Amino acid sequence: MAEQEMVDWLNDRSDFQRCFVCGMRNPCGLRLSFQQEAGRVYADFTGDEAHQGFPGVVHGGILASILDEAMGRVPVATEHRWVMTARLELRYRAPARTGVPLRVWAEATDSRARMIRIKGWIAPVAQPEAIVCEADGTFLPLPDEVRNEAVAQWPGLAGFFGGEVTSQ
């Protein structure tokens, strides 16, 4: 798959685009754009006042959402399959300051037909070794009926899911 096709598949360009983390048409969303590098998925995010929990610190739930979304994109990039989160375990290691550009990374640690294990981490772009949050997760294949229902409601999603799905 050509690099531009993969970028288009990693990022919803359909008429939906309502995801809280990556939807460009969600006025309350984070609007992250995902990229791929050497089997990893990454995106950049800079939290502002609207994303804080404690003053000057990005809310942990925002970090969890970003990690979950990045981790779920790994099988798309590496195996061309969509998944859903079965388990997500997070460790917060340091405050993620607002106004500081952050990068989320995710990569697979184990992949099988019925599940994939993925790790992810967030660190300041300028200090990639200074991890502020990390996660381990288990992801399961997205059921065909979920994809089919989404495509029935938003036909443009068929291309985002890599073609129309009926059954496996």
Protein backbone atom coordinates (compact mmCIF):
# COMPACT_ATOMS: atom_id res chain seq x y z
CA MET A 1 0.00 0.00 0.00
CA ALA A 2 1.38 3.41 -0.96
CA GLU A 3 2.32 5.76 1.90
CA GLN A 4 -0.43 8.28 1.05
CA GLU A 5 -3.05 5.49 0.88
CA MET A 6 -1.96 4.32 4.35
CA VAL A 7 -2.18 7.85 5.76
CA ASP A 8 -5.69 8.11 4.29
CA TRP A 9 -6.60 4.76 5.86
CA LEU A 10 -5.13 5.71 9.25
CA ASN A 11 -7.13 8.96 9.26
CA ASP A 12 -10.84 9.20 8.51
CA ARG A 13 -11.40 11.30 5.37
CA SER A 14 -15.03 10.21 5.00
CA ASP A 15 -18.15 12.29 5.63
CA PHE A 16 -18.23 10.94 9.23
CA GLN A 17 -15.08 12.23 11.00
CA ARG A 18 -16.83 12.44 14.41
CA CYS A 19 -14.33 10.49 16.56
CA PHE A 20 -13.40 12.46 19.69
CA VAL A 21 -9.67 11.81 19.24
CA CYS A 22 -9.20 11.90 15.47
CA GLY A 23 -12.38 13.34 13.96
CA MET A 24 -11.69 16.54 12.07
CA ARG A 25 -15.43 17.36 12.07
CA ASN A 26 -15.86 17.01 15.83
CA PRO A 27 -15.88 20.57 17.21
CA CYS A 28 -15.05 19.29 20.72
CA GLY A 29 -12.47 16.76 19.55
CA LEU A 30 -8.70 16.59 19.67
CA ARG A 31 -8.26 16.25 15.87
CA LEU A 32 -5.15 14.09 15.93
CA SER A 33 -3.67 12.97 12.63
CA PHE A 34 -1.88 9.61 12.71
CA GLN A 35 1.27 8.65 10.85
CA GLN A 36 3.20 5.41 10.52
CA GLU A 37 6.92 4.80 10.96
CA ALA A 38 8.68 1.41 11.08
CA GLY A 39 5.63 -0.54 12.29
CA ARG A 40 4.72 2.10 14.84
CA VAL A 41 1.89 4.60 14.80
CA TYR A 42 2.34 8.11 16.16
CA ALA A 43 0.59 11.47 16.43
CA ASP A 44 1.33 14.83 18.03
CA PHE A 45 -0.84 16.70 20.52
CA THR A 46 -0.47 19.89 22.53
CA GLY A 47 -2.93 20.21 25.38
CA ASP A 48 -4.37 23.59 26.25
CA GLU A 49 -6.57 25.04 28.97
CA ALA A 50 -9.60 23.08 27.73
CA HIS A 51 -7.73 19.78 28.23
CA GLN A 52 -6.50 20.28 31.78
CA GLY A 53 -7.39 18.50 34.99
CA PHE A 54 -5.12 20.15 37.52
CA PRO A 55 -4.09 23.69 36.51
CA GLY A 56 -1.49 23.44 33.76
CA VAL A 57 -1.68 19.63 33.50
CA VAL A 58 -3.42 17.63 30.75
CA HIS A 59 -6.23 15.50 32.22
CA GLY A 60 -5.35 11.82 32.55
CA GLY A 61 -8.53 10.83 30.72
CA ILE A 62 -7.40 12.81 27.68
CA LEU A 63 -4.06 10.97 27.76
CA ALA A 64 -5.90 7.63 28.07
CA SER A 65 -8.10 8.48 25.08
CA ILE A 66 -5.09 9.43 22.97
CA LEU A 67 -3.27 6.22 23.88
CA ASP A 68 -6.34 4.06 23.21
CA GLU A 69 -6.84 5.59 19.77
CA ALA A 70 -3.16 5.36 18.76
CA MET A 71 -2.93 1.77 19.97
CA GLY A 72 -6.06 0.82 18.03
CA ARG A 73 -4.47 2.18 14.85
CA VAL A 74 -1.47 -0.21 15.01
CA PRO A 75 -3.30 -3.22 13.48
CA VAL A 76 -4.62 -0.92 10.75
CA ALA A 77 -1.08 0.11 9.87
CA THR A 78 0.58 -3.29 10.22
CA GLU A 79 -2.13 -5.83 9.33
CA HIS A 80 -4.92 -3.81 7.67
CA ARG A 81 -7.48 -4.83 10.29
CA TRP A 82 -9.70 -2.84 12.64
CA VAL A 83 -9.93 -3.70 16.32
CA MET A 84 -11.71 -2.71 19.52
CA THR A 85 -10.22 -2.36 22.99
CA ALA A 86 -10.63 -5.37 25.27
CA ARG A 87 -8.27 -4.22 28.04
CA LEU A 88 -6.24 -1.08 28.62
CA GLU A 89 -3.83 -0.64 31.53
CA LEU A 90 -2.21 2.75 32.08
CA ARG A 91 0.68 4.03 34.16
CA TYR A 92 0.98 7.75 34.69
CA ARG A 93 4.64 8.58 35.31
CA ALA A 94 4.78 12.39 35.29
CA PRO A 95 2.50 15.37 34.69
CA ALA A 96 1.82 16.16 31.02
CA ARG A 97 2.01 19.95 30.98
CA THR A 98 -0.37 22.01 28.87
CA GLY A 99 1.33 23.98 26.13
CA VAL A 100 4.05 21.31 25.72
CA PRO A 101 3.99 19.42 22.40
CA LEU A 102 3.53 15.71 23.12
CA ARG A 103 3.92 12.67 20.88
CA VAL A 104 2.03 9.42 21.34
CA TRP A 105 3.64 6.22 20.03
CA ALA A 106 2.15 2.72 19.76
CA GLU A 107 3.44 -0.63 18.55
CA ALA A 108 2.37 -4.26 18.62
CA THR A 109 4.03 -6.66 21.04
CA ASP A 110 2.09 -9.83 20.06
CA SER A 111 -0.38 -10.53 17.28
CA ARG A 112 -2.68 -13.52 16.86
CA ALA A 113 -5.79 -14.16 14.80
CA ARG A 114 -8.20 -13.33 17.64
CA MET A 115 -6.24 -10.67 19.56
CA ILE A 116 -3.33 -8.31 19.41
CA ARG A 117 -1.30 -6.90 22.29
CA ILE A 118 -0.08 -3.35 21.91
CA LYS A 119 2.00 -0.96 23.98
CA GLY A 120 1.87 2.80 23.79
CA TRP A 121 3.50 5.79 25.44
CA ILE A 122 3.35 9.57 25.47
CA ALA A 123 6.35 11.85 25.91
CA PRO A 124 7.23 15.45 25.15
CA VAL A 125 8.42 15.83 21.55
CA ALA A 126 11.55 17.62 22.79
CA GLN A 127 12.27 14.90 25.42
CA PRO A 128 11.21 11.53 23.99
CA GLU A 129 12.85 9.67 26.89
CA ALA A 130 10.70 11.53 29.48
CA ILE A 131 7.58 9.34 29.29
CA VAL A 132 4.56 10.92 30.98
CA CYS A 133 2.12 8.04 30.45
CA GLU A 134 2.37 4.51 29.10
CA ALA A 135 -0.12 1.75 28.40
CA ASP A 136 -0.44 -1.92 27.63
CA GLY A 137 -3.56 -3.20 25.96
CA THR A 138 -5.29 -6.16 24.41
CA PHE A 139 -7.39 -5.54 21.32
CA LEU A 140 -9.91 -7.80 19.56
CA PRO A 141 -11.07 -7.79 15.93
CA LEU A 142 -13.92 -5.36 15.34
CA PRO A 143 -17.06 -7.47 14.75
CA ASP A 144 -18.32 -7.44 11.16
CA GLU A 145 -21.78 -6.32 12.28
CA VAL A 146 -20.31 -3.20 13.92
CA ARG A 147 -18.47 -2.27 10.73
CA ASN A 148 -21.49 -3.06 8.57
CA GLU A 149 -23.80 -0.91 10.75
CA ALA A 150 -21.34 1.99 10.61
CA VAL A 151 -21.04 1.73 6.81
CA ALA A 152 -24.83 1.46 6.43
CA GLN A 153 -25.25 4.74 8.32
CA TRP A 154 -22.18 6.47 6.86
CA PRO A 155 -21.38 4.88 3.43
CA GLY A 156 -18.16 6.89 3.11
CA LEU A 157 -16.71 4.81 5.95
CA ALA A 158 -16.45 1.80 3.62
CA GLY A 159 -13.24 3.27 2.20
CA PHE A 160 -11.95 4.14 5.67
CA PHE A 161 -12.47 0.52 6.74
CA GLY A 162 -10.57 -0.65 3.67
CA GLY A 163 -13.60 -1.75 1.70
CA GLU A 164 -17.10 -2.89 2.53
CA VAL A 165 -17.23 -5.74 5.02
CA THR A 166 -19.89 -8.43 5.05
CA SER A 167 -18.38 -11.42 6.89
CA GLN A 168 -15.05 -13.08 7.61
